[in-house]
C-alpha atoms as a PDB file:
ATOM      1  CA  MET A   1     115.413 111.415 113.903  1.00  0.00           C
ATOM      2  CA  VAL A   2     118.424 113.133 112.376  1.00  0.00           C
ATOM      3  CA  ARG A   3     118.165 116.852 111.758  1.00  0.00           C
ATOM      4  CA  ASP A   4     120.691 118.879 109.822  1.00  0.00           C
ATOM      5  CA  GLY A   5     120.980 122.635 110.006  1.00  0.00           C
ATOM      6  CA  THR A   6     121.305 125.443 112.494  1.00  0.00           C
ATOM      7  CA  VAL A   7     119.510 125.896 115.775  1.00  0.00           C
ATOM      8  CA  SER A   8     117.777 129.277 116.083  1.00  0.00           C
ATOM      9  CA  GLY A   9     115.886 129.074 119.334  1.00  0.00           C
ATOM     10  CA  ASP A  10     114.723 127.038 122.272  1.00  0.00           C
ATOM     11  CA  MET A  11     111.227 127.924 123.420  1.00  0.00           C
ATOM     12  CA  TYR A  12     108.591 125.658 124.915  1.00  0.00           C
ATOM     13  CA  GLY A  13     111.287 123.064 125.368  1.00  0.00           C
ATOM     14  CA  GLU A  14     111.865 122.632 121.646  1.00  0.00           C
ATOM     15  CA  ARG A  15     114.552 123.742 119.258  1.00  0.00           C
ATOM     16  CA  ILE A  16     113.806 125.225 115.875  1.00  0.00           C
ATOM     17  CA  TYR A  17     115.899 123.770 113.065  1.00  0.00           C
ATOM     18  CA  HIS A  18     116.325 124.901 109.498  1.00  0.00           C
ATOM     19  CA  ASP A  19     117.223 123.223 106.240  1.00  0.00           C
ATOM     20  CA  SER A  20     116.783 119.475 105.858  1.00  0.00           C
ATOM     21  CA  VAL A  21     115.177 116.987 108.204  1.00  0.00           C
ATOM     22  CA  THR A  22     115.710 113.246 107.761  1.00  0.00           C
ATOM     23  CA  PHE A  23     113.561 110.901 109.825  1.00  0.00           C
ATOM     24  CA  SER A  24     114.124 107.258 110.627  1.00  0.00           C
ATOM     25  CA  GLN A  25     113.723 104.863 107.688  1.00  0.00           C
ATOM     26  CA  GLY A  26     114.944 107.571 105.307  1.00  0.00           C
ATOM     27  CA  VAL A  27     111.846 109.760 104.991  1.00  0.00           C
ATOM     28  CA  GLY A  28     113.139 113.212 104.140  1.00  0.00           C
ATOM     29  CA  TYR A  29     111.788 116.660 104.794  1.00  0.00           C
ATOM     30  CA  PRO A  30     110.151 117.813 101.546  1.00  0.00           C
ATOM     31  CA  ASN A  31     112.128 121.017 100.995  1.00  0.00           C
ATOM     32  CA  GLY A  32     109.534 122.834  98.920  1.00  0.00           C
ATOM     33  CA  GLU A  33     108.017 126.276  99.123  1.00  0.00           C
ATOM     34  CA  GLY A  34     104.987 125.212 101.125  1.00  0.00           C
ATOM     35  CA  ASN A  35     104.241 126.065 104.738  1.00  0.00           C
ATOM     36  CA  VAL A  36     105.099 123.799 107.665  1.00  0.00           C
ATOM     37  CA  TRP A  37     102.551 122.994 110.380  1.00  0.00           C
ATOM     38  CA  TYR A  38     102.949 121.260 113.734  1.00  0.00           C
ATOM     39  CA  VAL A  39     100.630 118.926 115.642  1.00  0.00           C
ATOM     40  CA  ASP A  40     101.164 117.919 119.281  1.00  0.00           C
ATOM     41  CA  GLY A  41      98.213 116.072 120.763  1.00  0.00           C
ATOM     42  CA  THR A  42      99.522 116.431 124.314  1.00  0.00           C
ATOM     43  CA  ASN A  43     100.693 120.045 124.533  1.00  0.00           C
ATOM     44  CA  GLY A  44      99.004 121.615 121.533  1.00  0.00           C
ATOM     45  CA  THR A  45      95.709 123.517 121.584  1.00  0.00           C
ATOM     46  CA  THR A  46      92.847 124.349 119.256  1.00  0.00           C
ATOM     47  CA  GLY A  47      93.724 128.035 119.623  1.00  0.00           C
ATOM     48  CA  GLY A  48      97.329 127.981 118.434  1.00  0.00           C
ATOM     49  CA  ASN A  49      98.464 128.972 114.973  1.00  0.00           C
ATOM     50  CA  GLY A  50     100.188 125.657 114.256  1.00  0.00           C
ATOM     51  CA  LYS A  51     103.365 127.336 113.028  1.00  0.00           C
ATOM     52  CA  SER A  52     105.786 126.002 115.669  1.00  0.00           C
ATOM     53  CA  TRP A  53     105.904 123.323 118.340  1.00  0.00           C
ATOM     54  CA  GLY A  54     105.191 126.037 120.904  1.00  0.00           C
ATOM     55  CA  ASN A  55     101.990 126.952 119.062  1.00  0.00           C
ATOM     56  CA  ALA A  56     101.126 123.477 117.818  1.00  0.00           C
ATOM     57  CA  TRP A  57      97.609 122.322 117.172  1.00  0.00           C
ATOM     58  CA  SER A  58      96.133 119.473 119.150  1.00  0.00           C
ATOM     59  CA  THR A  59      94.572 117.580 116.225  1.00  0.00           C
ATOM     60  CA  ILE A  60      95.762 116.530 112.803  1.00  0.00           C
ATOM     61  CA  GLN A  61      92.573 117.710 111.096  1.00  0.00           C
ATOM     62  CA  LEU A  62      93.120 121.291 112.315  1.00  0.00           C
ATOM     63  CA  ALA A  63      96.453 121.300 110.496  1.00  0.00           C
ATOM     64  CA  VAL A  64      94.981 119.682 107.371  1.00  0.00           C
ATOM     65  CA  THR A  65      92.198 122.272 107.276  1.00  0.00           C
ATOM     66  CA  ALA A  66      94.710 125.135 107.505  1.00  0.00           C
ATOM     67  CA  ALA A  67      97.108 123.653 104.968  1.00  0.00           C
ATOM     68  CA  SER A  68      97.397 124.546 101.299  1.00  0.00           C
ATOM     69  CA  ALA A  69      98.769 122.569  98.387  1.00  0.00           C
ATOM     70  CA  GLY A  70     102.402 121.579  98.897  1.00  0.00           C
ATOM     71  CA  ASP A  71     102.444 122.058 102.676  1.00  0.00           C
ATOM     72  CA  THR A  72     103.989 119.742 105.263  1.00  0.00           C
ATOM     73  CA  ILE A  73     102.466 118.677 108.586  1.00  0.00           C
ATOM     74  CA  PHE A  74     104.648 117.221 111.331  1.00  0.00           C
ATOM     75  CA  VAL A  75     102.857 115.131 113.959  1.00  0.00           C
ATOM     76  CA  THR A  76     104.420 114.058 117.234  1.00  0.00           C
ATOM     77  CA  ALA A  77     103.217 111.154 119.346  1.00  0.00           C
ATOM     78  CA  LYS A  78     101.038 111.872 122.344  1.00  0.00           C
ATOM     79  CA  ALA A  79     102.517 111.343 125.803  1.00  0.00           C
ATOM     80  CA  LEU A  80     102.202 107.704 126.845  1.00  0.00           C
ATOM     81  CA  THR A  81      99.671 106.998 129.589  1.00  0.00           C
ATOM     82  CA  ASP A  82      99.032 103.277 128.993  1.00  0.00           C
ATOM     83  CA  PHE A  83     102.145 101.247 129.683  1.00  0.00           C
ATOM     84  CA  THR A  84     100.642  97.904 128.623  1.00  0.00           C
ATOM     85  CA  GLY A  85     101.387  98.269 124.930  1.00  0.00           C
ATOM     86  CA  ASP A  86      98.971 100.749 123.319  1.00  0.00           C
ATOM     87  CA  PRO A  87     100.186 104.319 122.770  1.00  0.00           C
ATOM     88  CA  THR A  88      97.957 107.300 123.469  1.00  0.00           C
ATOM     89  CA  SER A  89      96.135 108.016 120.210  1.00  0.00           C
ATOM     90  CA  TYR A  90      94.741 110.782 118.059  1.00  0.00           C
ATOM     91  CA  ALA A  91      91.056 109.844 118.315  1.00  0.00           C
ATOM     92  CA  GLU A  92      89.934 111.557 115.126  1.00  0.00           C
ATOM     93  CA  THR A  93      89.042 110.953 111.511  1.00  0.00           C
ATOM     94  CA  ILE A  94      90.956 112.949 108.922  1.00  0.00           C
ATOM     95  CA  ILE A  95      90.019 114.043 105.389  1.00  0.00           C
ATOM     96  CA  ILE A  96      92.485 115.580 102.945  1.00  0.00           C
ATOM     97  CA  PRO A  97      90.330 117.610 100.500  1.00  0.00           C
ATOM     98  CA  ASN A  98      90.912 117.719  96.772  1.00  0.00           C
ATOM     99  CA  ALA A  99      92.372 121.237  96.773  1.00  0.00           C
ATOM    100  CA  THR A 100      95.197 120.301  99.155  1.00  0.00           C
ATOM    101  CA  SER A 101      97.371 118.446  96.674  1.00  0.00           C
ATOM    102  CA  ASN A 102     100.942 117.350  97.431  1.00  0.00           C
ATOM    103  CA  LEU A 103     100.325 117.500 101.171  1.00  0.00           C
ATOM    104  CA  SER A 104     102.774 115.651 103.422  1.00  0.00           C
ATOM    105  CA  ILE A 105     101.744 114.262 106.821  1.00  0.00           C
ATOM    106  CA  ILE A 106     104.888 113.021 108.538  1.00  0.00           C
ATOM    107  CA  GLY A 107     105.057 111.524 112.005  1.00  0.00           C
ATOM    108  CA  VAL A 108     108.013 112.405 114.206  1.00  0.00           C
ATOM    109  CA  SER A 109     109.127 108.804 114.497  1.00  0.00           C
ATOM    110  CA  ARG A 110     111.172 106.947 117.078  1.00  0.00           C
ATOM    111  CA  GLY A 111     111.194 103.842 114.945  1.00  0.00           C
ATOM    112  CA  LYS A 112     108.671 101.895 112.877  1.00  0.00           C
ATOM    113  CA  THR A 113     106.814 100.288 115.781  1.00  0.00           C
ATOM    114  CA  GLN A 114     103.352 100.856 117.190  1.00  0.00           C
ATOM    115  CA  GLY A 115     104.831 102.562 120.252  1.00  0.00           C
ATOM    116  CA  GLY A 116     107.309 104.639 118.267  1.00  0.00           C
ATOM    117  CA  LEU A 117     104.860 106.367 115.938  1.00  0.00           C
ATOM    118  CA  PRO A 118     102.030 108.873 116.363  1.00  0.00           C
ATOM    119  CA  GLN A 119      98.914 106.681 116.299  1.00  0.00           C
ATOM    120  CA  VAL A 120      95.401 107.361 114.999  1.00  0.00           C
ATOM    121  CA  LYS A 121      92.713 105.244 116.682  1.00  0.00           C
ATOM    122  CA  ILE A 122      88.996 106.050 116.795  1.00  0.00           C
ATOM    123  CA  GLY A 123      87.610 103.109 118.758  1.00  0.00           C
ATOM    124  CA  THR A 124      84.099 102.205 117.632  1.00  0.00           C
ATOM    125  CA  GLY A 125      82.559 103.578 114.437  1.00  0.00           C
ATOM    126  CA  SER A 126      82.472 102.882 110.703  1.00  0.00           C
ATOM    127  CA  THR A 127      84.353 105.928 109.364  1.00  0.00           C
ATOM    128  CA  VAL A 128      87.753 105.465 107.750  1.00  0.00           C
ATOM    129  CA  MET A 129      90.574 106.991 109.801  1.00  0.00           C
ATOM    130  CA  LEU A 130      92.282 108.855 106.930  1.00  0.00           C
ATOM    131  CA  THR A 131      90.560 109.710 103.627  1.00  0.00           C
ATOM    132  CA  ILE A 132      92.742 111.046 100.807  1.00  0.00           C
ATOM    133  CA  ARG A 133      90.959 113.051  98.097  1.00  0.00           C
ATOM    134  CA  ALA A 134      93.960 115.022  96.788  1.00  0.00           C
ATOM    135  CA  PRO A 135      96.723 113.928  94.421  1.00  0.00           C
ATOM    136  CA  GLY A 136     100.418 113.585  95.218  1.00  0.00           C
ATOM    137  CA  CYS A 137     100.137 113.228  98.998  1.00  0.00           C
ATOM    138  CA  LEU A 138     102.730 111.644 101.297  1.00  0.00           C
ATOM    139  CA  ILE A 139     101.753 109.770 104.459  1.00  0.00           C
ATOM    140  CA  ALA A 140     104.835 108.677 106.419  1.00  0.00           C
ATOM    141  CA  ASN A 141     105.773 107.440 109.891  1.00  0.00           C
ATOM    142  CA  MET A 142     102.185 107.200 111.139  1.00  0.00           C
ATOM    143  CA  GLY A 143     100.307 104.471 113.009  1.00  0.00           C
ATOM    144  CA  PHE A 144      96.690 103.414 112.375  1.00  0.00           C
ATOM    145  CA  ASN A 145      94.930 101.175 114.879  1.00  0.00           C
ATOM    146  CA  GLY A 146      91.516  99.893 113.823  1.00  0.00           C
ATOM    147  CA  ALA A 147      90.652  98.590 117.308  1.00  0.00           C
ATOM    148  CA  GLY A 148      86.850  98.219 117.426  1.00  0.00           C
ATOM    149  CA  SER A 149      86.088 100.324 114.341  1.00  0.00           C
ATOM    150  CA  THR A 150      85.062  99.048 110.915  1.00  0.00           C
ATOM    151  CA  GLY A 151      86.039 102.006 108.738  1.00  0.00           C
ATOM    152  CA  GLY A 152      89.515 100.854 107.791  1.00  0.00           C
ATOM    153  CA  GLY A 153      92.849 102.672 107.906  1.00  0.00           C
ATOM    154  CA  ILE A 154      93.487 104.758 104.755  1.00  0.00           C
ATOM    155  CA  LEU A 155      91.061 105.244 101.839  1.00  0.00           C
ATOM    156  CA  LEU A 156      92.229 106.409  98.390  1.00  0.00           C
ATOM    157  CA  ASP A 157      88.990 108.188  97.482  1.00  0.00           C
ATOM    158  CA  ASP A 158      89.226 109.000  93.769  1.00  0.00           C
ATOM    159  CA  ASP A 159      86.180 109.527  91.520  1.00  0.00           C
ATOM    160  CA  TYR A 160      87.981 111.081  88.512  1.00  0.00           C
ATOM    161  CA  ALA A 161      86.015 114.285  89.120  1.00  0.00           C
ATOM    162  CA  ALA A 162      85.894 116.226  92.394  1.00  0.00           C
ATOM    163  CA  LYS A 163      88.220 113.798  94.165  1.00  0.00           C
ATOM    164  CA  ALA A 164      91.615 112.417  93.171  1.00  0.00           C
ATOM    165  CA  ALA A 165      94.185 110.330  95.032  1.00  0.00           C
ATOM    166  CA  PHE A 166      96.674 109.452  92.315  1.00  0.00           C
ATOM    167  CA  GLY A 167     100.352 109.748  93.161  1.00  0.00           C
ATOM    168  CA  THR A 168      99.881 108.879  96.843  1.00  0.00           C
ATOM    169  CA  SER A 169     102.885 107.535  98.774  1.00  0.00           C
ATOM    170  CA  ILE A 170     102.334 105.595 102.017  1.00  0.00           C
ATOM    171  CA  ILE A 171     105.707 104.952 103.621  1.00  0.00           C
ATOM    172  CA  ASN A 172     106.954 103.451 106.901  1.00  0.00           C
ATOM    173  CA  CYS A 173     103.565 103.312 108.592  1.00  0.00           C
ATOM    174  CA  HIS A 174     102.178 100.754 111.065  1.00  0.00           C
ATOM    175  CA  PHE A 175      98.686  99.279 110.631  1.00  0.00           C
ATOM    176  CA  LYS A 176      96.980  97.197 113.298  1.00  0.00           C
ATOM    177  CA  ASN A 177      93.504  95.624 113.535  1.00  0.00           C
ATOM    178  CA  CYS A 178      92.238  97.456 110.438  1.00  0.00           C
ATOM    179  CA  LYS A 179      89.053  96.129 108.853  1.00  0.00           C
ATOM    180  CA  ARG A 180      85.853  97.110 107.077  1.00  0.00           C
ATOM    181  CA  HIS A 181      84.127  93.833 107.888  1.00  0.00           C
ATOM    182  CA  ALA A 182      84.688  91.355 110.701  1.00  0.00           C
ATOM    183  CA  THR A 183      85.833  88.510 108.424  1.00  0.00           C
ATOM    184  CA  ASP A 184      85.380  89.446 104.731  1.00  0.00           C
ATOM    185  CA  GLY A 185      88.636  90.700 103.267  1.00  0.00           C
ATOM    186  CA  THR A 186      87.018  91.838 100.026  1.00  0.00           C
ATOM    187  CA  LYS A 187      85.405  94.744 101.904  1.00  0.00           C
ATOM    188  CA  GLY A 188      88.699  96.393 102.812  1.00  0.00           C
ATOM    189  CA  GLY A 189      91.177  96.800 105.634  1.00  0.00           C
ATOM    190  CA  ALA A 190      94.334  98.832 106.203  1.00  0.00           C
ATOM    191  CA  ILE A 191      94.938 100.540 102.811  1.00  0.00           C
ATOM    192  CA  ASN A 192      91.956 100.682 100.453  1.00  0.00           C
ATOM    193  CA  TRP A 193      90.849 101.818  97.044  1.00  0.00           C
ATOM    194  CA  THR A 194      87.125 102.456  96.543  1.00  0.00           C
ATOM    195  CA  SER A 195      84.854 100.290  94.396  1.00  0.00           C
ATOM    196  CA  ALA A 196      85.518 102.728  91.517  1.00  0.00           C
ATOM    197  CA  GLY A 197      89.246 101.943  91.491  1.00  0.00           C
ATOM    198  CA  ASN A 198      91.144 104.910  89.968  1.00  0.00           C
ATOM    199  CA  ALA A 199      94.015 106.318  92.121  1.00  0.00           C
ATOM    200  CA  TRP A 200      96.882 105.413  89.791  1.00  0.00           C
ATOM    201  CA  GLN A 201     100.620 105.786  90.526  1.00  0.00           C
ATOM    202  CA  VAL A 202     100.532 104.685  94.165  1.00  0.00           C
ATOM    203  CA  LEU A 203     103.595 103.703  96.217  1.00  0.00           C
ATOM    204  CA  ILE A 204     103.128 101.511  99.325  1.00  0.00           C
ATOM    205  CA  SER A 205     106.580 100.971 100.804  1.00  0.00           C
ATOM    206  CA  GLY A 206     108.201  99.902 104.066  1.00  0.00           C
ATOM    207  CA  ASN A 207     104.999  99.464 106.064  1.00  0.00           C
ATOM    208  CA  THR A 208     104.188  96.945 108.791  1.00  0.00           C
ATOM    209  CA  PHE A 209     100.762  95.279 108.945  1.00  0.00           C
ATOM    210  CA  TYR A 210      99.583  93.407 112.021  1.00  0.00           C
ATOM    211  CA  ARG A 211      96.326  91.507 112.508  1.00  0.00           C
ATOM    212  CA  CYS A 212      94.449  93.340 109.744  1.00  0.00           C
ATOM    213  CA  ILE A 213      91.533  91.613 107.987  1.00  0.00           C
ATOM    214  CA  THR A 214      93.031  92.857 104.707  1.00  0.00           C
ATOM    215  CA  ASP A 215      96.330  94.668 104.396  1.00  0.00           C
ATOM    216  CA  ILE A 216      95.925  96.179 100.909  1.00  0.00           C
ATOM    217  CA  CYS A 217      92.544  96.091  99.160  1.00  0.00           C
ATOM    218  CA  LEU A 218      91.469  97.232  95.707  1.00  0.00           C
ATOM    219  CA  ILE A 219      87.756  96.879  96.415  1.00  0.00           C
ATOM    220  CA  GLY A 220      86.674  97.279  92.786  1.00  0.00           C
ATOM    221  CA  THR A 221      87.386  98.817  89.401  1.00  0.00           C
ATOM    222  CA  SER A 222      84.018 100.050  88.141  1.00  0.00           C
ATOM    223  CA  ASN A 223      85.614 103.224  86.722  1.00  0.00           C
ATOM    224  CA  THR A 224      89.250 102.365  85.933  1.00  0.00           C
ATOM    225  CA  ALA A 225      91.819  99.791  87.001  1.00  0.00           C
ATOM    226  CA  PRO A 226      94.784 101.476  88.727  1.00  0.00           C
ATOM    227  CA  GLN A 227      98.076 101.487  86.831  1.00  0.00           C
ATOM    228  CA  ASP A 228     101.665 101.941  87.998  1.00  0.00           C
ATOM    229  CA  VAL A 229     101.151 100.653  91.554  1.00  0.00           C
ATOM    230  CA  ILE A 230     104.269  99.626  93.500  1.00  0.00           C
ATOM    231  CA  ILE A 231     104.039  97.544  96.690  1.00  0.00           C
ATOM    232  CA  GLU A 232     107.500  96.932  98.114  1.00  0.00           C
ATOM    233  CA  ASN A 233     109.473  96.226 101.301  1.00  0.00           C
ATOM    234  CA  ASN A 234     106.402  95.646 103.468  1.00  0.00           C
ATOM    235  CA  THR A 235     105.838  93.115 106.262  1.00  0.00           C
ATOM    236  CA  PHE A 236     102.318  91.735 105.977  1.00  0.00           C
ATOM    237  CA  SER A 237      99.971  90.475 108.683  1.00  0.00           C
ATOM    238  CA  ASN A 238     101.184  87.184 110.124  1.00  0.00           C
ATOM    239  CA  SER A 239      98.246  86.184 112.339  1.00  0.00           C
ATOM    240  CA  PRO A 240      96.214  83.667 110.313  1.00  0.00           C
ATOM    241  CA  ALA A 241      93.240  83.702 112.708  1.00  0.00           C
ATOM    242  CA  SER A 242      92.921  87.500 112.253  1.00  0.00           C
ATOM    243  CA  THR A 243      93.481  87.882 108.507  1.00  0.00           C
ATOM    244  CA  ASP A 244      91.487  86.913 105.406  1.00  0.00           C
ATOM    245  CA  VAL A 245      93.869  88.094 102.676  1.00  0.00           C
ATOM    246  CA  ASN A 246      97.065  90.148 102.552  1.00  0.00           C
ATOM    247  CA  ILE A 247      96.633  91.727  99.089  1.00  0.00           C
ATOM    248  CA  TYR A 248      93.281  91.654  97.276  1.00  0.00           C
ATOM    249  CA  SER A 249      92.281  93.117  93.913  1.00  0.00           C
ATOM    250  CA  GLY A 250      88.604  93.141  93.075  1.00  0.00           C
ATOM    251  CA  GLY A 251      86.832  93.914  89.832  1.00  0.00           C
ATOM    252  CA  SER A 252      89.114  93.606  86.824  1.00  0.00           C
ATOM    253  CA  GLY A 253      92.128  94.127  89.072  1.00  0.00           C
ATOM    254  CA  PHE A 254      95.204  96.258  88.606  1.00  0.00           C
ATOM    255  CA  SER A 255      96.358  97.321  85.178  1.00  0.00           C
ATOM    256  CA  GLY A 256      99.882  97.631  83.731  1.00  0.00           C
ATOM    257  CA  GLY A 257     102.868  98.579  85.814  1.00  0.00           C
ATOM    258  CA  LEU A 258     101.944  96.624  88.956  1.00  0.00           C
ATOM    259  CA  VAL A 259     105.100  95.719  90.917  1.00  0.00           C
ATOM    260  CA  ILE A 260     105.013  93.660  94.120  1.00  0.00           C
ATOM    261  CA  ARG A 261     108.546  92.986  95.310  1.00  0.00           C
ATOM    262  CA  ASN A 262     110.689  92.255  98.346  1.00  0.00           C
ATOM    263  CA  ASN A 263     107.812  91.781 100.789  1.00  0.00           C
ATOM    264  CA  VAL A 264     107.495  89.359 103.714  1.00  0.00           C
ATOM    265  CA  PHE A 265     104.335  87.247 103.983  1.00  0.00           C
ATOM    266  CA  GLY A 266     103.874  85.136 107.114  1.00  0.00           C
ATOM    267  CA  ALA A 267     101.383  82.362 107.762  1.00  0.00           C
ATOM    268  CA  LEU A 268      98.607  81.713 105.261  1.00  0.00           C
ATOM    269  CA  PRO A 269      95.521  83.824 106.210  1.00  0.00           C
ATOM    270  CA  ALA A 270      92.776  81.611 107.627  1.00  0.00           C
ATOM    271  CA  ILE A 271      90.297  83.629 109.669  1.00  0.00           C
ATOM    272  CA  GLY A 272      87.100  81.746 110.501  1.00  0.00           C
ATOM    273  CA  SER A 273      84.244  82.433 108.044  1.00  0.00           C
ATOM    274  CA  GLY A 274      86.608  84.381 105.799  1.00  0.00           C
ATOM    275  CA  SER A 275      85.741  84.708 102.128  1.00  0.00           C
ATOM    276  CA  VAL A 276      89.250  84.629 100.600  1.00  0.00           C
ATOM    277  CA  GLY A 277      91.849  82.807 102.725  1.00  0.00           C
ATOM    278  CA  LEU A 278      94.803  83.666 100.474  1.00  0.00           C
ATOM    279  CA  TYR A 279      98.103  85.476 100.615  1.00  0.00           C
ATOM    280  CA  THR A 280      97.135  87.306  97.455  1.00  0.00           C
ATOM    281  CA  LEU A 281      94.279  87.422  94.971  1.00  0.00           C
ATOM    282  CA  LEU A 282      95.621  89.458  92.088  1.00  0.00           C
ATOM    283  CA  ASN A 283      93.715  90.155  88.897  1.00  0.00           C
ATOM    284  CA  ILE A 284      95.216  92.171  86.090  1.00  0.00           C
ATOM    285  CA  THR A 285      93.396  93.996  83.300  1.00  0.00           C
ATOM    286  CA  GLY A 286      93.913  93.124  79.645  1.00  0.00           C
ATOM    287  CA  THR A 287      95.970  90.398  78.020  1.00  0.00           C
ATOM    288  CA  SER A 288      98.660  92.894  77.016  1.00  0.00           C
ATOM    289  CA  SER A 289      99.028  94.244  80.540  1.00  0.00           C
ATOM    290  CA  ALA A 290     101.839  93.011  82.722  1.00  0.00           C
ATOM    291  CA  GLY A 291     102.760  93.035  86.372  1.00  0.00           C
ATOM    292  CA  MET A 292     105.662  91.714  88.438  1.00  0.00           C
ATOM    293  CA  PHE A 293     105.614  89.623  91.617  1.00  0.00           C
ATOM    294  CA  VAL A 294     109.260  89.073  92.506  1.00  0.00           C
ATOM    295  CA  ASP A 295     111.684  88.576  95.415  1.00  0.00           C
ATOM    296  CA  ASN A 296     108.989  87.946  98.024  1.00  0.00           C
ATOM    297  CA  VAL A 297     109.300  85.596 101.016  1.00  0.00           C
ATOM    298  CA  PHE A 298     106.492  83.383 102.348  1.00  0.00           C
ATOM    299  CA  GLY A 299     106.292  81.702 105.728  1.00  0.00           C
ATOM    300  CA  ALA A 300     103.971  78.801 104.923  1.00  0.00           C
ATOM    301  CA  LEU A 301     103.960  77.837 101.269  1.00  0.00           C
ATOM    302  CA  GLY A 302     105.607  74.838  99.641  1.00  0.00           C
ATOM    303  CA  THR A 303     107.747  74.933  96.553  1.00  0.00           C
ATOM    304  CA  THR A 304     104.765  74.487  94.213  1.00  0.00           C
ATOM    305  CA  ALA A 305     101.546  73.934  96.177  1.00  0.00           C
ATOM    306  CA  GLY A 306      98.900  76.602  95.823  1.00  0.00           C
ATOM    307  CA  TRP A 307     100.809  78.963  93.530  1.00  0.00           C
ATOM    308  CA  GLY A 308      99.460  80.424  90.291  1.00  0.00           C
ATOM    309  CA  ASP A 309      96.288  81.543  88.576  1.00  0.00           C
ATOM    310  CA  GLY A 310      93.257  80.213  90.454  1.00  0.00           C
ATOM    311  CA  LYS A 311      95.344  78.391  93.082  1.00  0.00           C
ATOM    312  CA  ALA A 312      94.476  77.963  96.741  1.00  0.00           C
ATOM    313  CA  ALA A 313      97.233  79.928  98.477  1.00  0.00           C
ATOM    314  CA  ALA A 314      98.375  82.629  96.045  1.00  0.00           C
ATOM    315  CA  ASP A 315      95.953  83.323  93.191  1.00  0.00           C
ATOM    316  CA  ILE A 316      98.022  85.386  90.757  1.00  0.00           C
ATOM    317  CA  ALA A 317      96.772  86.165  87.246  1.00  0.00           C
ATOM    318  CA  ASP A 318      98.706  84.878  84.251  1.00  0.00           C
ATOM    319  CA  GLY A 319      99.512  88.466  83.208  1.00  0.00           C
ATOM    320  CA  ILE A 320     101.724  88.891  86.278  1.00  0.00           C
ATOM    321  CA  TRP A 321     105.291  87.657  85.937  1.00  0.00           C
ATOM    322  CA  THR A 322     106.749  85.833  88.939  1.00  0.00           C
ATOM    323  CA  ALA A 323     110.393  85.198  89.802  1.00  0.00           C
ATOM    324  CA  ARG A 324     112.646  84.536  92.805  1.00  0.00           C
ATOM    325  CA  ASN A 325     109.860  84.033  95.361  1.00  0.00           C
ATOM    326  CA  TYR A 326     110.784  81.785  98.291  1.00  0.00           C
ATOM    327  CA  SER A 327     109.241  79.861 101.155  1.00  0.00           C
ATOM    328  CA  ALA A 328     110.885  77.865 103.907  1.00  0.00           C
ATOM    329  CA  ALA A 329     110.846  74.931 101.475  1.00  0.00           C
ATOM    330  CA  GLY A 330     112.859  76.844  98.911  1.00  0.00           C
ATOM    331  CA  LEU A 331     112.163  78.468  95.555  1.00  0.00           C
ATOM    332  CA  ILE A 332     108.468  78.630  94.648  1.00  0.00           C
ATOM    333  CA  VAL A 333     107.786  77.322  91.167  1.00  0.00           C
ATOM    334  CA  ARG A 334     104.644  78.652  89.588  1.00  0.00           C
ATOM    335  CA  GLU A 335     102.120  75.939  88.724  1.00  0.00           C
ATOM    336  CA  ALA A 336     100.550  75.675  85.308  1.00  0.00           C
ATOM    337  CA  THR A 337      96.927  76.811  85.179  1.00  0.00           C
END
C-alpha cells in the first residue's frame, strides 16, 4: 500500500495519514466529503467509535451500520493463526442498506491473494456473505471464502423499489469456494444478481475466482435485464471438477452495453452432475441489443470447436460480437449457428 500525505500521529502502533491513499492494484482512496471508518478484527472492539485504527471496530457490519451515504470503510486483515493456507476470517454476514449509497468497503491489501486480503468466511449456513442494497457502492481488495456455506459471495439485491444495487464496482477481490448449490451453476456462486435482474451499470474488474461453482451469475431477469455491465481483467475458476460455469446469464440475459474483455478462462468447467458445463452461457435481450466478448484467453478450447450460439463450450448469443479471443490452439473462430 502506498500512502501519500503527512503523518500526524503514532498511537496504538499506527500512523495517521492525510490526503490520498493508493492501494495495491490501483484502488484509490475516494477523496469525498464522507466519513472514514476503520475495522480491525484482531485489535478492534464493539465499543470503539470506529474513527481511527486505535478505536477500530471488530466487525465490518458495525462500520456499515454506522456509515452514511458516501462514507469509506477500511478493513484490515485479521492476525494469521492458521499457517496452512487459510487466513483468519471475518465470520459475519454483511448487508449494505438502501440508504447507504456510494459506500466504499476497501480492504487494506498486501496483494491480490487469499492470504493478502481481509477475508470474509462464515462456514456453514445459507446466507450470502455480502448483500448490496444501495447504489454506487465500491467493494475492493476483499476476500470471500464460501467454505461450507451455500449463500454465495456477493448479492446485488435490487428490486427497483426499496432496494437498489446499480452502479456497483467490485474490484481486485478474491473469491474461493463460493456456491449457492453443490453442483448447479444456475443457482449462483461468487457474484450474483437476483432472479429479478435489475442492478444496471456494474463493473467487475481485476478479480480472482478459485473453485467457485459459478463465478458470475445473473440468476434471472423477471423484472429487467441489466444494461451497461463490464466484466474485465478477471481470472476465472480453473478447477473443472469444482466449477459448473464461469459466467451465466439466466432469463432473457443481459441487455445492451455488455462488455466482457481481457479475461483469463482456464479449463472447461466439468463438475459432476453439473447443469451447465460451459465457460459462458450468455443471453442478450432484444435483436437490436449488442454486447462485446473480446480479447479473452481460454485454456482448453480449440480454434472453432464449441464456440457460438448454442455451442457446447461457450454458448454466446448472436447479439454479442466476438473478436480476438484465443486458446492454446490459436485464434478462436466463431462457428455459424
